Amino acid sequence: MKLSGKAALITGAASGIGLGIAHRFASEGASVVIADIDARAASRAASEIEQAGGHAIGLRMDVTDEAEVEHGIGRAIAHCARLDILVSNAGIQIVSPLDTFAFADWKRLLAIHLDGAFLTTRAVLRHMKADGRGGTIIYMGSVHSHEASALKSAYVTAKHGLLGLARTLAKEGAEHHVRSHVICPGFVRTPLVERQIPEQARTLGITEDEVVRDVMLGGTVDASFTTVEDIAQTALFLAAFPSAALTGQSIVASHGWFMQ
């Protein structure tokens, strides 16, 4: 199995893309730590993986809380005796025009996406350097790491910021055998995206079907959503890649919406 003997921590992993990655990693032999702000959901997700024959634990982690991140990473390492992979996946979406975007919402979104990525990276990097084995840190970006869409100023800003963090980590982590990547999905029909459909329909004055057809899938080559499994397979490929040849890169999986 591609991740046999490895341990991975995934934030925001109690549902959606994070949960899909957790299941894929576990099926490939990794011990998985499911970190989520919803402790009960994290425990349920870990139980699902255990029942399927994998190895997993769930723990609460508010990625914007420095002390909670440090404590959670410590628990993960104590349980697994190592930590080889971090997937910084926790995120939210807030849809609003720029001129009415609440500052509190702006700060909350950036804190979860960027502060969370920084705090978990810092904690895991310290361990990877001390451990001497290195590892892989994967950030969940978006096509919006490369492009912009109306009504998503904070989200676009945050996802662009992850590219800079990953590229800096690639340079600082190289001598310690730590690699970084950013996965940039197109629209994946998770609960996060489902909530956007009526929000955008109201804001844009169009139907929900038009939001899906024209806004979400209009730029793709085949009018198809990216799937959770598409992203889980991409994460597996990057986590198992044997060298630093791809470090600092963003990998776009968007059915051709954005092509590098």
Protein backbone atom coordinates (compact mmCIF):
# COMPACT_ATOMS: atom_id res chain seq x y z
CA MET A 1 0.00 0.00 0.00
CA LYS A 2 1.26 3.45 -0.94
CA LEU A 3 1.16 4.96 2.57
CA SER A 4 1.92 1.90 4.66
CA GLY A 5 3.58 2.89 7.93
CA LYS A 6 2.81 6.59 7.47
CA ALA A 7 0.71 8.85 9.71
CA ALA A 8 -1.39 11.72 8.38
CA LEU A 9 -3.29 14.54 10.06
CA ILE A 10 -6.13 16.12 8.07
CA THR A 11 -7.94 19.23 9.25
CA GLY A 12 -11.62 19.78 8.56
CA ALA A 13 -11.81 16.04 7.95
CA ALA A 14 -15.15 15.15 9.53
CA SER A 15 -16.97 15.70 6.22
CA GLY A 16 -16.56 16.57 2.56
CA ILE A 17 -13.17 16.59 0.88
CA GLY A 18 -11.26 16.09 4.12
CA LEU A 19 -13.22 12.95 4.97
CA GLY A 20 -12.72 11.60 1.45
CA ILE A 21 -8.97 12.07 1.76
CA ALA A 22 -8.98 10.42 5.19
CA HIS A 23 -10.72 7.32 3.82
CA ARG A 24 -8.38 7.13 0.82
CA PHE A 25 -5.24 7.51 2.96
CA ALA A 26 -6.47 4.89 5.43
CA SER A 27 -7.21 2.46 2.60
CA GLU A 28 -3.58 2.88 1.50
CA GLY A 29 -2.21 1.97 4.92
CA ALA A 30 -1.86 5.32 6.69
CA SER A 31 -2.84 5.94 10.30
CA VAL A 32 -5.17 8.92 10.04
CA VAL A 33 -5.86 11.70 12.52
CA ILE A 34 -9.16 13.41 11.78
CA ALA A 35 -9.02 16.94 13.19
CA ASP A 36 -12.20 18.99 13.14
CA ILE A 37 -13.86 21.74 15.15
CA ASP A 38 -16.77 19.30 15.64
CA ALA A 39 -15.28 16.74 18.01
CA ARG A 40 -18.23 14.35 17.81
CA ALA A 41 -18.22 14.36 14.03
CA ALA A 42 -14.47 13.73 14.05
CA SER A 43 -14.94 10.75 16.35
CA ARG A 44 -17.73 9.36 14.16
CA ALA A 45 -15.59 9.73 11.05
CA ALA A 46 -12.69 7.94 12.75
CA SER A 47 -15.04 5.12 13.80
CA GLU A 48 -16.17 4.72 10.18
CA ILE A 49 -12.57 4.24 9.10
CA GLU A 50 -11.86 1.80 11.92
CA GLN A 51 -14.95 -0.23 11.01
CA ALA A 52 -13.70 -0.39 7.42
CA GLY A 53 -10.43 -1.90 8.62
CA GLY A 54 -8.31 1.25 8.79
CA HIS A 55 -6.60 3.04 11.64
CA ALA A 56 -7.89 6.45 12.74
CA ILE A 57 -8.56 8.72 15.68
CA GLY A 58 -10.68 11.84 15.84
CA LEU A 59 -9.92 14.97 17.81
CA ARG A 60 -11.23 18.48 18.15
CA MET A 61 -9.13 21.23 16.63
CA ASP A 62 -10.01 24.86 16.09
CA VAL A 63 -7.29 25.71 13.59
CA THR A 64 -7.45 29.41 14.51
CA ASP A 65 -6.53 28.69 18.15
CA GLU A 66 -2.76 28.47 18.62
CA ALA A 67 -2.91 26.51 21.87
CA GLU A 68 -5.50 24.07 20.52
CA VAL A 69 -3.44 23.43 17.39
CA GLU A 70 -0.29 22.77 19.39
CA HIS A 71 -2.16 20.46 21.75
CA GLY A 72 -3.86 18.59 18.91
CA ILE A 73 -0.62 18.05 16.98
CA GLY A 74 0.97 16.80 20.20
CA ARG A 75 -1.87 14.31 20.73
CA ALA A 76 -1.58 13.12 17.15
CA ILE A 77 2.15 12.48 17.44
CA ALA A 78 1.74 10.79 20.81
CA HIS A 79 -0.87 8.45 19.35
CA CYS A 80 0.88 7.67 16.05
CA ALA A 81 4.50 7.99 17.24
CA ARG A 82 5.18 9.98 14.04
CA LEU A 83 3.57 12.41 11.63
CA ASP A 84 4.49 12.23 7.96
CA ILE A 85 1.67 14.10 6.23
CA LEU A 86 -0.40 17.19 6.98
CA VAL A 87 -3.41 18.08 4.84
CA SER A 88 -4.52 21.62 5.71
CA ASN A 89 -8.10 21.38 4.53
CA ALA A 90 -10.27 23.25 7.04
CA GLY A 91 -12.19 26.06 5.40
CA ILE A 92 -15.44 27.96 5.05
CA GLN A 93 -17.09 30.07 2.36
CA ILE A 94 -18.88 33.40 2.75
CA VAL A 95 -20.51 34.88 -0.36
CA SER A 96 -21.06 38.64 -0.36
CA PRO A 97 -20.38 41.72 -2.51
CA LEU A 98 -17.22 43.56 -1.51
CA ASP A 99 -18.96 46.76 -0.49
CA THR A 100 -21.22 44.94 1.98
CA PHE A 101 -18.74 42.31 3.18
CA ALA A 102 -18.72 42.39 6.99
CA PHE A 103 -15.23 42.90 8.40
CA ALA A 104 -15.89 40.24 11.04
CA ASP A 105 -16.69 37.73 8.28
CA TRP A 106 -13.55 38.74 6.37
CA LYS A 107 -11.37 38.17 9.43
CA ARG A 108 -13.07 34.87 10.28
CA LEU A 109 -12.61 33.42 6.80
CA LEU A 110 -8.97 34.47 6.54
CA ALA A 111 -8.27 33.16 10.04
CA ILE A 112 -9.57 29.69 9.22
CA HIS A 113 -7.87 29.41 5.84
CA LEU A 114 -4.59 31.26 6.40
CA ASP A 115 -4.00 31.39 10.14
CA GLY A 116 -5.05 27.76 10.32
CA ALA A 117 -2.65 26.76 7.56
CA PHE A 118 0.18 28.68 9.22
CA LEU A 119 -0.41 27.35 12.74
CA THR A 120 -0.72 23.71 11.70
CA THR A 121 2.26 24.01 9.35
CA ARG A 122 4.45 25.54 12.04
CA ALA A 123 3.58 22.85 14.57
CA VAL A 124 4.04 19.97 12.13
CA LEU A 125 7.21 21.40 10.59
CA ARG A 126 8.89 21.57 13.99
CA HIS A 127 8.21 17.87 14.45
CA MET A 128 9.30 16.93 10.94
CA LYS A 129 12.58 18.76 11.35
CA ALA A 130 13.28 17.22 14.75
CA ASP A 131 12.24 13.76 13.60
CA GLY A 132 14.63 13.86 10.65
CA ARG A 133 12.38 11.92 8.28
CA GLY A 134 10.77 14.98 6.72
CA GLY A 135 7.30 14.72 5.24
CA THR A 136 4.68 16.29 3.03
CA ILE A 137 2.36 19.22 3.72
CA ILE A 138 -0.61 19.66 1.39
CA TYR A 139 -2.84 22.74 1.35
CA MET A 140 -6.36 22.69 0.00
CA GLY A 141 -6.42 25.58 -2.41
CA SER A 142 -8.91 26.13 -5.20
CA VAL A 143 -9.16 27.26 -8.78
CA HIS A 144 -9.62 30.53 -6.89
CA SER A 145 -5.95 30.27 -5.95
CA HIS A 146 -5.36 31.32 -9.57
CA GLU A 147 -8.54 33.09 -10.65
CA ALA A 148 -11.16 35.35 -9.11
CA SER A 149 -14.94 35.24 -8.99
CA ALA A 150 -17.38 37.91 -7.98
CA LEU A 151 -18.78 37.80 -4.43
CA LYS A 152 -15.80 35.82 -3.05
CA SER A 153 -13.22 38.47 -2.16
CA ALA A 154 -12.09 36.93 1.14
CA TYR A 155 -12.04 33.37 -0.21
CA VAL A 156 -10.05 34.34 -3.31
CA THR A 157 -7.60 36.31 -1.17
CA ALA A 158 -7.13 33.39 1.21
CA LYS A 159 -6.66 30.81 -1.52
CA HIS A 160 -4.12 33.00 -3.30
CA GLY A 161 -2.26 33.32 0.01
CA LEU A 162 -1.84 29.56 0.33
CA LEU A 163 0.30 29.55 -2.81
CA GLY A 164 2.76 31.90 -1.16
CA LEU A 165 2.89 29.86 2.03
CA ALA A 166 3.46 26.62 0.13
CA ARG A 167 6.21 28.09 -2.00
CA THR A 168 8.00 29.52 1.03
CA LEU A 169 7.71 26.19 2.83
CA ALA A 170 9.16 24.41 -0.21
CA LYS A 171 12.32 26.50 0.10
CA GLU A 172 12.62 26.40 3.89
CA GLY A 173 11.70 22.73 4.16
CA ALA A 174 13.95 21.37 1.42
CA GLU A 175 17.01 20.72 3.56
CA HIS A 176 14.80 18.86 6.03
CA HIS A 177 13.12 16.73 3.33
CA VAL A 178 9.79 18.50 3.78
CA ARG A 179 7.76 19.01 0.61
CA SER A 180 4.72 21.20 0.03
CA HIS A 181 1.84 21.17 -2.44
CA VAL A 182 -1.40 23.02 -3.11
CA ILE A 183 -4.35 21.11 -4.55
CA CYS A 184 -6.67 23.42 -6.47
CA PRO A 185 -10.07 21.82 -7.08
CA GLY A 186 -12.86 23.14 -9.20
CA PHE A 187 -16.34 23.03 -7.72
CA VAL A 188 -16.85 19.86 -5.67
CA ARG A 189 -20.46 19.25 -4.68
CA THR A 190 -19.90 19.18 -0.93
CA PRO A 191 -22.22 20.75 1.68
CA LEU A 192 -20.03 23.88 1.46
CA VAL A 193 -20.80 24.23 -2.25
CA GLU A 194 -24.45 23.23 -1.88
CA ARG A 195 -24.98 26.20 0.45
CA GLN A 196 -23.53 28.57 -2.14
CA ILE A 197 -26.08 27.70 -4.82
CA PRO A 198 -29.12 29.46 -3.27
CA GLU A 199 -26.89 32.25 -1.89
CA GLN A 200 -25.53 33.08 -5.33
CA ALA A 201 -28.95 32.71 -6.95
CA ARG A 202 -30.37 35.36 -4.61
CA THR A 203 -27.41 37.70 -4.97
CA LEU A 204 -27.15 37.41 -8.76
CA GLY A 205 -30.89 37.33 -9.42
CA ILE A 206 -30.78 34.06 -11.35
CA THR A 207 -32.11 30.56 -10.80
CA GLU A 208 -30.26 27.87 -8.90
CA ASP A 209 -30.00 25.83 -12.11
CA GLU A 210 -28.35 28.82 -13.79
CA VAL A 211 -25.88 29.11 -10.91
CA VAL A 212 -24.84 25.50 -11.43
CA ARG A 213 -24.80 25.61 -15.23
CA ASP A 214 -23.31 29.05 -15.86
CA VAL A 215 -21.41 30.05 -12.71
CA MET A 216 -20.08 26.78 -11.34
CA LEU A 217 -19.69 24.61 -14.44
CA GLY A 218 -19.69 27.14 -17.26
CA GLY A 219 -15.90 27.20 -17.50
CA THR A 220 -15.38 23.45 -17.49
CA VAL A 221 -14.81 21.37 -20.62
CA ASP A 222 -17.54 18.84 -19.84
CA ALA A 223 -20.04 20.60 -17.51
CA SER A 224 -19.03 18.27 -14.67
CA PHE A 225 -18.34 18.78 -11.00
CA THR A 226 -14.98 17.67 -9.66
CA THR A 227 -15.55 14.81 -7.21
CA VAL A 228 -14.31 14.16 -3.70
CA GLU A 229 -12.61 11.03 -5.01
CA ASP A 230 -10.81 13.08 -7.69
CA ILE A 231 -9.26 15.20 -4.96
CA ALA A 232 -8.54 12.26 -2.66
CA GLN A 233 -6.64 10.53 -5.47
CA THR A 234 -4.70 13.74 -6.16
CA ALA A 235 -3.78 14.03 -2.48
CA LEU A 236 -2.66 10.39 -2.44
CA PHE A 237 -0.48 10.92 -5.50
CA LEU A 238 1.22 13.92 -3.89
CA ALA A 239 1.59 12.33 -0.45
CA ALA A 240 3.19 9.22 -1.93
CA PHE A 241 5.40 10.99 -4.48
CA PRO A 242 8.99 9.85 -3.86
CA SER A 243 11.01 13.02 -4.37
CA ALA A 244 11.01 16.82 -4.19
CA ALA A 245 10.52 17.15 -7.95
CA LEU A 246 7.01 18.54 -7.41
CA THR A 247 7.57 20.59 -4.27
CA GLY A 248 6.08 24.07 -4.19
CA GLN A 249 3.63 23.28 -6.96
CA SER A 250 -0.10 23.76 -7.31
CA ILE A 251 -2.05 20.94 -8.92
CA VAL A 252 -5.33 21.99 -10.53
CA ALA A 253 -8.16 19.44 -10.75
CA SER A 254 -11.07 21.33 -12.29
CA HIS A 255 -12.33 19.62 -15.45
CA GLY A 256 -10.43 22.22 -17.47
CA TRP A 257 -11.93 25.29 -15.76
CA PHE A 258 -8.40 26.61 -15.20
CA MET A 259 -5.43 25.27 -17.17
CA GLN A 260 -1.87 26.05 -16.18
